[in-house]
Amino acid sequence: MTENLVDALSLTGESAEAVNLYLLLFMIALVPSFLILTSSFTRTIIVLSFTRNALGTQQSPPNQVLLGLALFLSLFVMRPVYQEVNDQALQPMLAGDITREDALSRAEEPIKGFMLQQTRTSDLELFVELSGESFPDEPEDLSIFNVIPAFAISELRTAFTIGFLIFIPFLVIDIVVASILMSMGMFMLSPVMISLPFKLLLFVMVDGWYLVVESLIESFY
């Protein structure tokens, strides 16, 4: 009977280790999504994609270049937040001064603070209402599970607004070129082919990438 009890305890320990391993793998799989939806990456990559589409250059710059640029721009914007997380949560946990639960609680505060600065109150109220909770006196008291989706849709709205403003001057060039071609009776000639060099020239003359990146970074402050 004692041997059976030892075997049962051994199986229980192995099962607990297996469950912990599955939970760890699950958390690792969620890390990319968490980093994307709690940082400036979403707004940055959408605006850069809108810029490429407005130029009409199709796959130039390629996706790898846009993703790399968006990643490093996001790290630049998020550097103060991640530095605070490292100083207040990660390093004390690695030193054994605080537990993992305390580290997670400390790391949540600066990340949540950044998201709340970029999130509209109406979006926060939407998810608080959908969750059946009451809106607290201070937004900092909101659950991070309410803040993350509200931050995500706020970022999408902001990114699409910036993308719309980027599209306007290039749309004007397309309309002017199309009107000139129609007035000359050149219906078989693609307006996009003719307007592309003019859009590239305009973008280079005004130092377009500089302006786009500058506007993106300043939109977070």
N, C-alpha and C. Protein backbone atom coordinates (compact mmCIF):
# COMPACT_ATOMS: atom_id res chain seq x y z
N MET A 1 0.84 -1.21 0.00
CA MET A 1 0.00 0.00 0.00
C MET A 1 0.87 1.26 0.00
N THR A 2 1.96 1.19 0.77
CA THR A 2 2.88 2.33 0.81
C THR A 2 3.49 2.58 -0.55
N GLU A 3 3.84 1.51 -1.27
CA GLU A 3 4.41 1.65 -2.60
C GLU A 3 3.42 2.28 -3.56
N ASN A 4 2.13 1.88 -3.43
CA ASN A 4 1.10 2.48 -4.29
C ASN A 4 0.95 3.98 -4.03
N LEU A 5 1.06 4.35 -2.73
CA LEU A 5 0.93 5.76 -2.37
C LEU A 5 2.11 6.56 -2.94
N VAL A 6 3.31 5.97 -2.85
CA VAL A 6 4.49 6.65 -3.40
C VAL A 6 4.36 6.80 -4.90
N ASP A 7 3.86 5.74 -5.57
CA ASP A 7 3.67 5.83 -7.02
C ASP A 7 2.65 6.90 -7.38
N ALA A 8 1.59 6.98 -6.60
CA ALA A 8 0.56 7.98 -6.88
C ALA A 8 1.10 9.39 -6.71
N LEU A 9 1.89 9.59 -5.63
CA LEU A 9 2.49 10.90 -5.41
C LEU A 9 3.47 11.26 -6.51
N SER A 10 4.19 10.24 -6.99
CA SER A 10 5.14 10.47 -8.07
C SER A 10 4.43 10.88 -9.34
N LEU A 11 3.32 10.20 -9.62
CA LEU A 11 2.54 10.54 -10.81
C LEU A 11 1.97 11.94 -10.70
N THR A 12 1.53 12.28 -9.45
CA THR A 12 0.98 13.62 -9.25
C THR A 12 2.04 14.68 -9.49
N GLY A 13 3.26 14.42 -9.01
CA GLY A 13 4.34 15.37 -9.24
C GLY A 13 4.68 15.50 -10.70
N GLU A 14 4.71 14.38 -11.42
CA GLU A 14 4.99 14.43 -12.85
C GLU A 14 3.89 15.18 -13.59
N SER A 15 2.64 14.98 -13.18
CA SER A 15 1.52 15.67 -13.82
C SER A 15 1.61 17.17 -13.58
N ALA A 16 1.99 17.55 -12.34
CA ALA A 16 2.12 18.98 -12.03
C ALA A 16 3.23 19.61 -12.87
N GLU A 17 4.34 18.90 -13.02
CA GLU A 17 5.43 19.42 -13.85
C GLU A 17 4.99 19.56 -15.31
N ALA A 18 4.21 18.59 -15.79
CA ALA A 18 3.72 18.66 -17.17
C ALA A 18 2.79 19.85 -17.36
N VAL A 19 1.90 20.06 -16.37
CA VAL A 19 0.98 21.20 -16.44
C VAL A 19 1.75 22.51 -16.42
N ASN A 20 2.77 22.61 -15.55
CA ASN A 20 3.59 23.82 -15.49
C ASN A 20 4.31 24.07 -16.81
N LEU A 21 4.77 22.98 -17.43
CA LEU A 21 5.45 23.11 -18.72
C LEU A 21 4.49 23.61 -19.80
N TYR A 22 3.27 23.06 -19.82
CA TYR A 22 2.27 23.51 -20.79
C TYR A 22 1.92 24.98 -20.57
N LEU A 23 1.78 25.37 -19.29
CA LEU A 23 1.47 26.77 -18.99
C LEU A 23 2.60 27.70 -19.43
N LEU A 24 3.84 27.24 -19.23
CA LEU A 24 5.00 28.03 -19.64
C LEU A 24 5.03 28.21 -21.15
N LEU A 25 4.79 27.12 -21.89
CA LEU A 25 4.76 27.21 -23.35
C LEU A 25 3.62 28.11 -23.82
N PHE A 26 2.48 28.03 -23.12
CA PHE A 26 1.35 28.88 -23.48
C PHE A 26 1.69 30.36 -23.26
N MET A 27 2.36 30.66 -22.15
CA MET A 27 2.74 32.03 -21.87
C MET A 27 3.76 32.54 -22.89
N ILE A 28 4.71 31.68 -23.27
CA ILE A 28 5.71 32.07 -24.27
C ILE A 28 5.04 32.37 -25.61
N ALA A 29 4.01 31.58 -25.96
CA ALA A 29 3.30 31.81 -27.23
C ALA A 29 2.54 33.13 -27.21
N LEU A 30 2.14 33.58 -26.02
CA LEU A 30 1.38 34.82 -25.91
C LEU A 30 2.27 36.06 -25.86
N VAL A 31 3.56 35.88 -25.62
CA VAL A 31 4.46 37.02 -25.46
C VAL A 31 4.46 37.94 -26.69
N PRO A 32 4.59 37.42 -27.94
CA PRO A 32 4.58 38.35 -29.10
C PRO A 32 3.30 39.16 -29.19
N SER A 33 2.15 38.51 -28.99
CA SER A 33 0.88 39.25 -29.05
C SER A 33 0.81 40.29 -27.94
N PHE A 34 1.29 39.93 -26.75
CA PHE A 34 1.26 40.88 -25.64
C PHE A 34 2.13 42.08 -25.93
N LEU A 35 3.33 41.86 -26.46
CA LEU A 35 4.23 42.97 -26.76
C LEU A 35 3.67 43.87 -27.86
N ILE A 36 3.01 43.25 -28.86
CA ILE A 36 2.46 44.05 -29.96
C ILE A 36 1.30 44.91 -29.49
N LEU A 37 0.41 44.31 -28.69
CA LEU A 37 -0.82 45.01 -28.31
C LEU A 37 -0.66 45.90 -27.09
N THR A 38 0.50 45.92 -26.46
CA THR A 38 0.72 46.81 -25.32
C THR A 38 1.82 47.83 -25.60
N SER A 39 2.23 47.95 -26.84
CA SER A 39 3.31 48.88 -27.19
C SER A 39 2.88 49.74 -28.37
N SER A 40 3.82 50.53 -28.86
CA SER A 40 3.55 51.43 -29.99
C SER A 40 3.66 50.72 -31.34
N PHE A 41 3.88 49.42 -31.34
CA PHE A 41 4.14 48.71 -32.60
C PHE A 41 2.93 48.75 -33.53
N THR A 42 1.73 48.59 -32.99
CA THR A 42 0.53 48.54 -33.84
C THR A 42 0.37 49.81 -34.65
N ARG A 43 0.42 50.97 -33.99
CA ARG A 43 0.29 52.24 -34.70
C ARG A 43 1.41 52.43 -35.71
N THR A 44 2.61 52.06 -35.32
CA THR A 44 3.77 52.30 -36.19
C THR A 44 3.70 51.50 -37.47
N ILE A 45 3.42 50.21 -37.37
CA ILE A 45 3.43 49.37 -38.58
C ILE A 45 2.26 49.71 -39.49
N ILE A 46 1.12 50.10 -38.93
CA ILE A 46 -0.03 50.47 -39.77
C ILE A 46 0.26 51.76 -40.53
N VAL A 47 0.83 52.74 -39.86
CA VAL A 47 1.15 54.01 -40.54
C VAL A 47 2.20 53.80 -41.62
N LEU A 48 3.21 53.00 -41.35
CA LEU A 48 4.23 52.72 -42.36
C LEU A 48 3.62 51.98 -43.56
N SER A 49 2.69 51.07 -43.30
CA SER A 49 2.02 50.35 -44.40
C SER A 49 1.15 51.30 -45.22
N PHE A 50 0.45 52.22 -44.55
CA PHE A 50 -0.34 53.22 -45.26
C PHE A 50 0.55 54.10 -46.14
N THR A 51 1.72 54.44 -45.64
CA THR A 51 2.65 55.27 -46.41
C THR A 51 3.08 54.55 -47.69
N ARG A 52 3.40 53.28 -47.57
CA ARG A 52 3.80 52.52 -48.75
C ARG A 52 2.65 52.39 -49.74
N ASN A 53 1.44 52.14 -49.24
CA ASN A 53 0.29 52.03 -50.13
C ASN A 53 -0.04 53.36 -50.80
N ALA A 54 0.13 54.47 -50.07
CA ALA A 54 -0.14 55.78 -50.66
C ALA A 54 0.84 56.09 -51.79
N LEU A 55 2.08 55.67 -51.61
CA LEU A 55 3.07 55.87 -52.67
C LEU A 55 2.78 55.01 -53.89
N GLY A 56 2.13 53.86 -53.67
CA GLY A 56 1.83 52.96 -54.77
C GLY A 56 3.02 52.17 -55.24
N THR A 57 4.01 51.98 -54.37
CA THR A 57 5.22 51.24 -54.76
C THR A 57 5.08 49.74 -54.53
N GLN A 58 3.91 49.28 -54.13
CA GLN A 58 3.60 47.88 -53.90
C GLN A 58 4.52 47.27 -52.84
N GLN A 59 5.55 46.54 -53.22
CA GLN A 59 6.38 45.84 -52.25
C GLN A 59 7.71 46.54 -51.98
N SER A 60 7.76 47.82 -52.17
CA SER A 60 8.97 48.58 -51.88
C SER A 60 8.61 49.78 -51.00
N PRO A 61 9.14 49.86 -49.78
CA PRO A 61 10.06 48.93 -49.11
C PRO A 61 9.40 47.59 -48.82
N PRO A 62 10.18 46.50 -48.80
CA PRO A 62 9.61 45.18 -48.53
C PRO A 62 9.11 45.06 -47.10
N ASN A 63 8.31 44.02 -46.87
CA ASN A 63 7.72 43.83 -45.55
C ASN A 63 8.77 43.70 -44.45
N GLN A 64 9.89 43.03 -44.76
CA GLN A 64 10.92 42.84 -43.74
C GLN A 64 11.49 44.18 -43.28
N VAL A 65 11.65 45.12 -44.22
CA VAL A 65 12.18 46.43 -43.86
C VAL A 65 11.18 47.21 -43.00
N LEU A 66 9.90 47.17 -43.39
CA LEU A 66 8.88 47.87 -42.61
C LEU A 66 8.75 47.28 -41.22
N LEU A 67 8.76 45.95 -41.11
CA LEU A 67 8.66 45.32 -39.79
C LEU A 67 9.87 45.64 -38.93
N GLY A 68 11.07 45.61 -39.53
CA GLY A 68 12.25 45.95 -38.76
C GLY A 68 12.25 47.38 -38.29
N LEU A 69 11.86 48.31 -39.18
CA LEU A 69 11.78 49.71 -38.81
C LEU A 69 10.74 49.93 -37.72
N ALA A 70 9.58 49.29 -37.86
CA ALA A 70 8.53 49.43 -36.85
C ALA A 70 8.98 48.87 -35.51
N LEU A 71 9.74 47.78 -35.54
CA LEU A 71 10.22 47.17 -34.30
C LEU A 71 11.17 48.11 -33.56
N PHE A 72 12.15 48.68 -34.27
CA PHE A 72 13.13 49.52 -33.60
C PHE A 72 12.54 50.88 -33.21
N LEU A 73 11.59 51.39 -34.00
CA LEU A 73 10.89 52.60 -33.58
C LEU A 73 10.07 52.35 -32.32
N SER A 74 9.47 51.17 -32.23
CA SER A 74 8.69 50.82 -31.03
C SER A 74 9.61 50.69 -29.82
N LEU A 75 10.77 50.08 -30.01
CA LEU A 75 11.73 49.98 -28.90
C LEU A 75 12.20 51.37 -28.46
N PHE A 76 12.36 52.28 -29.41
CA PHE A 76 12.77 53.65 -29.09
C PHE A 76 11.69 54.35 -28.25
N VAL A 77 10.43 54.19 -28.67
CA VAL A 77 9.33 54.84 -27.95
C VAL A 77 9.13 54.20 -26.58
N MET A 78 9.24 52.88 -26.51
CA MET A 78 8.93 52.16 -25.28
C MET A 78 10.14 52.04 -24.35
N ARG A 79 11.28 52.55 -24.73
CA ARG A 79 12.49 52.39 -23.91
C ARG A 79 12.32 52.88 -22.47
N PRO A 80 11.75 54.08 -22.23
CA PRO A 80 11.57 54.50 -20.82
C PRO A 80 10.66 53.56 -20.04
N VAL A 81 9.61 53.04 -20.70
CA VAL A 81 8.69 52.13 -20.02
C VAL A 81 9.39 50.82 -19.67
N TYR A 82 10.09 50.24 -20.63
CA TYR A 82 10.76 48.98 -20.38
C TYR A 82 11.92 49.15 -19.40
N GLN A 83 12.56 50.31 -19.39
CA GLN A 83 13.62 50.57 -18.42
C GLN A 83 13.05 50.59 -17.01
N GLU A 84 11.86 51.20 -16.87
CA GLU A 84 11.21 51.22 -15.57
C GLU A 84 10.79 49.82 -15.13
N VAL A 85 10.30 49.02 -16.07
CA VAL A 85 9.95 47.64 -15.75
C VAL A 85 11.19 46.86 -15.30
N ASN A 86 12.29 47.07 -15.99
CA ASN A 86 13.53 46.38 -15.63
C ASN A 86 14.03 46.78 -14.25
N ASP A 87 13.97 48.09 -13.95
CA ASP A 87 14.49 48.57 -12.67
C ASP A 87 13.60 48.20 -11.50
N GLN A 88 12.29 48.26 -11.68
CA GLN A 88 11.37 48.07 -10.57
C GLN A 88 10.88 46.63 -10.40
N ALA A 89 10.92 45.84 -11.47
CA ALA A 89 10.35 44.49 -11.39
C ALA A 89 11.36 43.39 -11.71
N LEU A 90 11.99 43.47 -12.87
CA LEU A 90 12.83 42.36 -13.32
C LEU A 90 14.08 42.18 -12.46
N GLN A 91 14.84 43.24 -12.28
CA GLN A 91 16.08 43.13 -11.51
C GLN A 91 15.83 42.74 -10.05
N PRO A 92 14.86 43.34 -9.34
CA PRO A 92 14.58 42.87 -7.98
C PRO A 92 14.15 41.41 -7.92
N MET A 93 13.39 40.94 -8.93
CA MET A 93 12.99 39.53 -8.93
C MET A 93 14.19 38.62 -9.14
N LEU A 94 15.07 39.00 -10.08
CA LEU A 94 16.26 38.18 -10.31
C LEU A 94 17.19 38.18 -9.10
N ALA A 95 17.18 39.26 -8.35
CA ALA A 95 18.00 39.32 -7.14
C ALA A 95 17.38 38.60 -5.97
N GLY A 96 16.13 38.15 -6.13
CA GLY A 96 15.45 37.43 -5.06
C GLY A 96 14.82 38.32 -4.01
N ASP A 97 14.72 39.62 -4.29
CA ASP A 97 14.13 40.54 -3.32
C ASP A 97 12.62 40.50 -3.32
N ILE A 98 12.01 40.17 -4.44
CA ILE A 98 10.55 40.10 -4.53
C ILE A 98 10.16 38.81 -5.23
N THR A 99 8.91 38.44 -5.08
CA THR A 99 8.40 37.23 -5.71
C THR A 99 7.97 37.52 -7.15
N ARG A 100 7.65 36.46 -7.89
CA ARG A 100 7.20 36.65 -9.27
C ARG A 100 5.88 37.41 -9.32
N GLU A 101 5.01 37.14 -8.34
CA GLU A 101 3.73 37.84 -8.32
C GLU A 101 3.92 39.35 -8.11
N ASP A 102 4.83 39.69 -7.19
CA ASP A 102 5.12 41.12 -6.96
C ASP A 102 5.76 41.75 -8.20
N ALA A 103 6.63 40.97 -8.87
CA ALA A 103 7.27 41.49 -10.09
C ALA A 103 6.25 41.77 -11.18
N LEU A 104 5.29 40.85 -11.34
CA LEU A 104 4.25 41.07 -12.35
C LEU A 104 3.41 42.29 -12.01
N SER A 105 3.10 42.47 -10.73
CA SER A 105 2.31 43.62 -10.31
C SER A 105 3.06 44.92 -10.55
N ARG A 106 4.36 44.93 -10.27
CA ARG A 106 5.16 46.13 -10.50
C ARG A 106 5.35 46.40 -11.99
N ALA A 107 5.53 45.36 -12.78
CA ALA A 107 5.72 45.55 -14.22
C ALA A 107 4.44 46.04 -14.89
N GLU A 108 3.30 45.70 -14.33
CA GLU A 108 2.03 46.10 -14.93
C GLU A 108 1.81 47.60 -14.86
N GLU A 109 2.30 48.24 -13.82
CA GLU A 109 2.01 49.66 -13.60
C GLU A 109 2.54 50.57 -14.70
N PRO A 110 3.83 50.51 -15.06
CA PRO A 110 4.29 51.43 -16.13
C PRO A 110 3.69 51.10 -17.49
N ILE A 111 3.48 49.82 -17.78
CA ILE A 111 2.89 49.44 -19.07
C ILE A 111 1.45 49.94 -19.14
N LYS A 112 0.71 49.76 -18.05
CA LYS A 112 -0.67 50.25 -18.02
C LYS A 112 -0.71 51.77 -18.11
N GLY A 113 0.24 52.44 -17.45
CA GLY A 113 0.28 53.89 -17.51
C GLY A 113 0.50 54.40 -18.92
N PHE A 114 1.39 53.74 -19.66
CA PHE A 114 1.62 54.13 -21.06
C PHE A 114 0.35 53.94 -21.89
N MET A 115 -0.31 52.80 -21.72
CA MET A 115 -1.50 52.52 -22.51
C MET A 115 -2.62 53.51 -22.19
N LEU A 116 -2.78 53.84 -20.92
CA LEU A 116 -3.84 54.77 -20.54
C LEU A 116 -3.62 56.16 -21.14
N GLN A 117 -2.37 56.57 -21.31
CA GLN A 117 -2.09 57.87 -21.92
C GLN A 117 -2.53 57.92 -23.38
N GLN A 118 -2.55 56.78 -24.05
CA GLN A 118 -2.88 56.74 -25.48
C GLN A 118 -4.30 56.26 -25.75
N THR A 119 -5.07 55.96 -24.71
CA THR A 119 -6.39 55.35 -24.88
C THR A 119 -7.49 56.36 -24.62
N ARG A 120 -8.49 56.36 -25.47
CA ARG A 120 -9.63 57.25 -25.28
C ARG A 120 -10.51 56.74 -24.14
N THR A 121 -11.11 57.67 -23.43
CA THR A 121 -11.98 57.29 -22.31
C THR A 121 -13.19 56.50 -22.79
N SER A 122 -13.71 56.85 -23.97
CA SER A 122 -14.87 56.13 -24.50
C SER A 122 -14.55 54.65 -24.76
N ASP A 123 -13.32 54.37 -25.21
CA ASP A 123 -12.93 52.98 -25.44
C ASP A 123 -12.80 52.22 -24.11
N LEU A 124 -12.27 52.88 -23.10
CA LEU A 124 -12.18 52.25 -21.78
C LEU A 124 -13.58 51.97 -21.23
N GLU A 125 -14.47 52.95 -21.37
CA GLU A 125 -15.84 52.77 -20.86
C GLU A 125 -16.55 51.63 -21.57
N LEU A 126 -16.26 51.45 -22.87
CA LEU A 126 -16.89 50.37 -23.63
C LEU A 126 -16.57 49.01 -23.02
N PHE A 127 -15.29 48.74 -22.77
CA PHE A 127 -14.91 47.42 -22.28
C PHE A 127 -15.25 47.23 -20.81
N VAL A 128 -15.27 48.32 -20.05
CA VAL A 128 -15.73 48.21 -18.66
C VAL A 128 -17.21 47.86 -18.63
N GLU A 129 -17.98 48.49 -19.51
CA GLU A 129 -19.41 48.21 -19.59
C GLU A 129 -19.67 46.78 -20.06
N LEU A 130 -18.92 46.33 -21.08
CA LEU A 130 -19.10 44.98 -21.58
C LEU A 130 -18.72 43.92 -20.55
N SER A 131 -17.77 44.25 -19.68
CA SER A 131 -17.35 43.30 -18.65
C SER A 131 -18.31 43.27 -17.47
N GLY A 132 -19.26 44.19 -17.44
CA GLY A 132 -20.23 44.23 -16.36
C GLY A 132 -19.71 44.87 -15.10
N GLU A 133 -18.60 45.56 -15.18
CA GLU A 133 -18.03 46.22 -14.01
C GLU A 133 -18.41 47.69 -14.01
N SER A 134 -18.09 48.35 -12.92
CA SER A 134 -18.33 49.78 -12.82
C SER A 134 -17.00 50.51 -13.01
N PHE A 135 -17.07 51.68 -13.64
CA PHE A 135 -15.86 52.43 -13.92
C PHE A 135 -15.31 52.99 -12.62
N PRO A 136 -14.04 52.73 -12.30
CA PRO A 136 -13.47 53.20 -11.03
C PRO A 136 -13.25 54.71 -11.03
N ASP A 137 -12.93 55.23 -9.86
CA ASP A 137 -12.66 56.66 -9.75
C ASP A 137 -11.41 57.05 -10.52
N GLU A 138 -10.40 56.20 -10.52
CA GLU A 138 -9.16 56.45 -11.22
C GLU A 138 -8.96 55.41 -12.31
N PRO A 139 -8.62 55.82 -13.54
CA PRO A 139 -8.40 54.83 -14.61
C PRO A 139 -7.29 53.83 -14.28
N GLU A 140 -6.33 54.23 -13.41
CA GLU A 140 -5.23 53.33 -13.05
C GLU A 140 -5.73 52.10 -12.30
N ASP A 141 -6.94 52.18 -11.74
CA ASP A 141 -7.50 51.04 -11.01
C ASP A 141 -8.16 50.01 -11.92
N LEU A 142 -8.23 50.31 -13.22
CA LEU A 142 -8.84 49.38 -14.17
C LEU A 142 -7.99 48.13 -14.32
N SER A 143 -8.65 47.02 -14.61
CA SER A 143 -7.94 45.78 -14.88
C SER A 143 -7.20 45.89 -16.21
N ILE A 144 -6.03 45.28 -16.27
CA ILE A 144 -5.26 45.34 -17.51
C ILE A 144 -5.98 44.61 -18.64
N PHE A 145 -6.87 43.68 -18.28
CA PHE A 145 -7.64 42.97 -19.31
C PHE A 145 -8.70 43.86 -19.95
N ASN A 146 -9.06 44.95 -19.30
CA ASN A 146 -9.92 45.95 -19.91
C ASN A 146 -9.11 47.00 -20.66
N VAL A 147 -7.93 47.29 -20.17
CA VAL A 147 -7.12 48.35 -20.77
C VAL A 147 -6.53 47.92 -22.11
N ILE A 148 -6.07 46.66 -22.21
CA ILE A 148 -5.39 46.22 -23.43
C ILE A 148 -6.29 46.30 -24.66
N PRO A 149 -7.51 45.73 -24.66
CA PRO A 149 -8.35 45.86 -25.87
C PRO A 149 -8.76 47.29 -26.16
N ALA A 150 -8.99 48.09 -25.10
CA ALA A 150 -9.33 49.49 -25.32
C ALA A 150 -8.15 50.24 -25.96
N PHE A 151 -6.95 49.95 -25.49
CA PHE A 151 -5.75 50.56 -26.07
C PHE A 151 -5.59 50.13 -27.52
N ALA A 152 -5.86 48.87 -27.82
CA ALA A 152 -5.69 48.36 -29.19
C ALA A 152 -6.60 49.07 -30.17
N ILE A 153 -7.88 49.24 -29.85
CA ILE A 153 -8.78 49.88 -30.80
C ILE A 153 -8.52 51.39 -30.87
N SER A 154 -8.02 51.97 -29.79
CA SER A 154 -7.63 53.38 -29.86
C SER A 154 -6.43 53.56 -30.79
N GLU A 155 -5.49 52.63 -30.72
CA GLU A 155 -4.33 52.69 -31.60
C GLU A 155 -4.74 52.52 -33.06
N LEU A 156 -5.69 51.63 -33.32
CA LEU A 156 -6.16 51.44 -34.69
C LEU A 156 -6.81 52.73 -35.21
N ARG A 157 -7.61 53.37 -34.39
CA ARG A 157 -8.26 54.62 -34.82
C ARG A 157 -7.22 55.70 -35.11
N THR A 158 -6.24 55.84 -34.22
CA THR A 158 -5.21 56.85 -34.42
C THR A 158 -4.39 56.56 -35.67
N ALA A 159 -4.03 55.29 -35.86
CA ALA A 159 -3.23 54.91 -37.03
C ALA A 159 -3.98 55.17 -38.33
N PHE A 160 -5.27 54.86 -38.36
CA PHE A 160 -6.05 55.10 -39.57
C PHE A 160 -6.23 56.60 -39.82
N THR A 161 -6.33 57.39 -38.76
CA THR A 161 -6.41 58.84 -38.93
C THR A 161 -5.14 59.39 -39.56
N ILE A 162 -4.00 58.96 -39.05
CA ILE A 162 -2.72 59.40 -39.62
C ILE A 162 -2.58 58.91 -41.05
N GLY A 163 -2.99 57.66 -41.31
CA GLY A 163 -2.92 57.13 -42.66
C GLY A 163 -3.77 57.90 -43.65
N PHE A 164 -4.94 58.35 -43.20
CA PHE A 164 -5.81 59.16 -44.06
C PHE A 164 -5.14 60.47 -44.45
N LEU A 165 -4.49 61.11 -43.48
CA LEU A 165 -3.80 62.37 -43.76
C LEU A 165 -2.62 62.16 -44.70
N ILE A 166 -1.97 61.02 -44.59
CA ILE A 166 -0.85 60.73 -45.50
C ILE A 166 -1.35 60.51 -46.92
N PHE A 167 -2.52 59.91 -47.07
CA PHE A 167 -3.06 59.58 -48.39
C PHE A 167 -3.45 60.82 -49.19
N ILE A 168 -3.86 61.89 -48.51
CA ILE A 168 -4.46 63.03 -49.21
C ILE A 168 -3.56 63.62 -50.29
N PRO A 169 -2.31 64.01 -50.02
CA PRO A 169 -1.50 64.62 -51.10
C PRO A 169 -1.25 63.68 -52.27
N PHE A 170 -1.08 62.40 -52.00
CA PHE A 170 -0.85 61.45 -53.09
C PHE A 170 -2.13 61.22 -53.90
N LEU A 171 -3.28 61.28 -53.21
CA LEU A 171 -4.55 61.17 -53.92
C LEU A 171 -4.75 62.35 -54.86
N VAL A 172 -4.36 63.53 -54.44
CA VAL A 172 -4.46 64.71 -55.29
C VAL A 172 -3.62 64.54 -56.56
N ILE A 173 -2.43 64.02 -56.41
CA ILE A 173 -1.57 63.79 -57.58
C ILE A 173 -2.22 62.79 -58.53
N ASP A 174 -2.78 61.71 -57.98
CA ASP A 174 -3.46 60.71 -58.83
C ASP A 174 -4.62 61.34 -59.59
N ILE A 175 -5.41 62.18 -58.92
CA ILE A 175 -6.57 62.81 -59.57
C ILE A 175 -6.11 63.76 -60.68
N VAL A 176 -5.08 64.54 -60.41
CA VAL A 176 -4.58 65.49 -61.41
C VAL A 176 -4.05 64.76 -62.64
N VAL A 177 -3.26 63.72 -62.42
CA VAL A 177 -2.70 62.96 -63.54
C VAL A 177 -3.81 62.28 -64.33
N ALA A 178 -4.79 61.69 -63.64
CA ALA A 178 -5.89 61.03 -64.34
C ALA A 178 -6.70 62.03 -65.16
N SER A 179 -6.93 63.22 -64.62
CA SER A 179 -7.68 64.24 -65.35
C SER A 179 -6.92 64.68 -66.60
N ILE A 180 -5.60 64.86 -66.48
CA ILE A 180 -4.81 65.28 -67.64
C ILE A 180 -4.82 64.20 -68.72
N LEU A 181 -4.68 62.96 -68.33
CA LEU A 181 -4.68 61.87 -69.31
C LEU A 181 -6.03 61.76 -70.01
N MET A 182 -7.12 61.92 -69.25
CA MET A 182 -8.46 61.86 -69.86
C MET A 182 -8.67 63.02 -70.83
N SER A 183 -8.20 64.21 -70.47
CA SER A 183 -8.37 65.37 -71.35
C SER A 183 -7.55 65.22 -72.63
N MET A 184 -6.46 64.44 -72.56
CA MET A 184 -5.63 64.21 -73.75
C MET A 184 -6.09 62.98 -74.52
N GLY A 185 -7.12 62.30 -74.01
CA GLY A 185 -7.64 61.12 -74.69
C GLY A 185 -6.81 59.87 -74.53
N MET A 186 -5.92 59.86 -73.57
CA MET A 186 -5.06 58.68 -73.34
C MET A 186 -5.73 57.74 -72.34
N PHE A 187 -6.82 57.12 -72.79
CA PHE A 187 -7.58 56.26 -71.89
C PHE A 187 -6.89 54.93 -71.64
N MET A 188 -6.04 54.48 -72.53
CA MET A 188 -5.39 53.18 -72.39
C MET A 188 -4.14 53.25 -71.52
N LEU A 189 -3.68 54.44 -71.19
CA LEU A 189 -2.47 54.60 -70.38
C LEU A 189 -2.85 54.66 -68.91
N SER A 190 -2.20 53.83 -68.09
CA SER A 190 -2.53 53.76 -66.66
C SER A 190 -2.09 55.03 -65.94
N PRO A 191 -3.02 55.70 -65.26
CA PRO A 191 -2.62 56.90 -64.50
C PRO A 191 -1.63 56.59 -63.39
N VAL A 192 -1.73 55.39 -62.83
CA VAL A 192 -0.83 55.02 -61.74
C VAL A 192 0.62 55.00 -62.21
N MET A 193 0.83 54.51 -63.42
CA MET A 193 2.19 54.43 -63.96
C MET A 193 2.80 55.83 -64.14
N ILE A 194 1.97 56.80 -64.53
CA ILE A 194 2.46 58.15 -64.76
C ILE A 194 2.62 58.91 -63.44
N SER A 195 1.70 58.68 -62.49
CA SER A 195 1.74 59.45 -61.25
C SER A 195 2.81 58.95 -60.28
N LEU A 196 3.24 57.69 -60.41
CA LEU A 196 4.21 57.14 -59.47
C LEU A 196 5.51 57.95 -59.41
N PRO A 197 6.14 58.31 -60.55
CA PRO A 197 7.36 59.11 -60.44
C PRO A 197 7.14 60.46 -59.76
N PHE A 198 5.98 61.09 -60.01
CA PHE A 198 5.71 62.38 -59.39
C PHE A 198 5.51 62.22 -57.87
N LYS A 199 4.86 61.14 -57.46
CA LYS A 199 4.68 60.90 -56.03
C LYS A 199 6.01 60.62 -55.34
N LEU A 200 6.86 59.85 -56.00
CA LEU A 200 8.18 59.58 -55.44
C LEU A 200 9.00 60.87 -55.35
N LEU A 201 8.91 61.70 -56.39
CA LEU A 201 9.65 62.97 -56.39
C LEU A 201 9.18 63.86 -55.25
N LEU A 202 7.85 63.97 -55.07
CA LEU A 202 7.31 64.78 -53.98
C LEU A 202 7.75 64.24 -52.63
N PHE A 203 7.70 62.93 -52.48
CA PHE A 203 8.06 62.30 -51.20
C PHE A 203 9.53 62.54 -50.87
N VAL A 204 10.38 62.45 -51.87
CA VAL A 204 11.82 62.66 -51.64
C VAL A 204 12.11 64.13 -51.36
N MET A 205 11.45 65.04 -52.09
CA MET A 205 11.72 66.47 -51.93
C MET A 205 11.34 66.97 -50.54
N VAL A 206 10.25 66.45 -49.98
CA VAL A 206 9.84 66.89 -48.64
C VAL A 206 10.45 66.05 -47.54
N ASP A 207 11.35 65.11 -47.92
CA ASP A 207 11.97 64.20 -46.94
C ASP A 207 10.88 63.45 -46.18
N GLY A 208 10.10 62.68 -46.95
CA GLY A 208 8.90 62.05 -46.43
C GLY A 208 9.11 61.11 -45.26
N TRP A 209 10.12 60.24 -45.33
CA TRP A 209 10.33 59.29 -44.25
C TRP A 209 10.68 60.00 -42.95
N TYR A 210 11.44 61.08 -43.05
CA TYR A 210 11.76 61.89 -41.87
C TYR A 210 10.49 62.43 -41.23
N LEU A 211 9.61 62.99 -42.07
CA LEU A 211 8.38 63.58 -41.55
C LEU A 211 7.46 62.52 -40.95
N VAL A 212 7.36 61.37 -41.61
CA VAL A 212 6.49 60.31 -41.12
C VAL A 212 6.99 59.79 -39.78
N VAL A 213 8.27 59.50 -39.69
CA VAL A 213 8.83 58.97 -38.44
C VAL A 213 8.74 60.02 -37.33
N GLU A 214 9.04 61.28 -37.65
CA GLU A 214 8.95 62.33 -36.65
C GLU A 214 7.52 62.47 -36.11
N SER A 215 6.55 62.46 -37.02
CA SER A 215 5.15 62.58 -36.60
C SER A 215 4.73 61.38 -35.77
N LEU A 216 5.19 60.20 -36.15
CA LEU A 216 4.83 58.99 -35.40
C LEU A 216 5.34 59.06 -33.97
N ILE A 217 6.61 59.38 -33.81
CA ILE A 217 7.20 59.39 -32.47
C ILE A 217 6.58 60.50 -31.61
N GLU A 218 6.37 61.68 -32.22
CA GLU A 218 5.77 62.79 -31.45
C GLU A 218 4.33 62.51 -31.09
N SER A 219 3.65 61.64 -31.83
CA SER A 219 2.24 61.34 -31.49
C SER A 219 2.10 60.57 -30.19
N PHE A 220 3.19 60.03 -29.66
CA PHE A 220 3.13 59.28 -28.41
C PHE A 220 3.48 60.15 -27.21
N TYR A 221 3.79 61.43 -27.44
CA TYR A 221 4.19 62.29 -26.34
C TYR A 221 3.24 63.49 -26.23
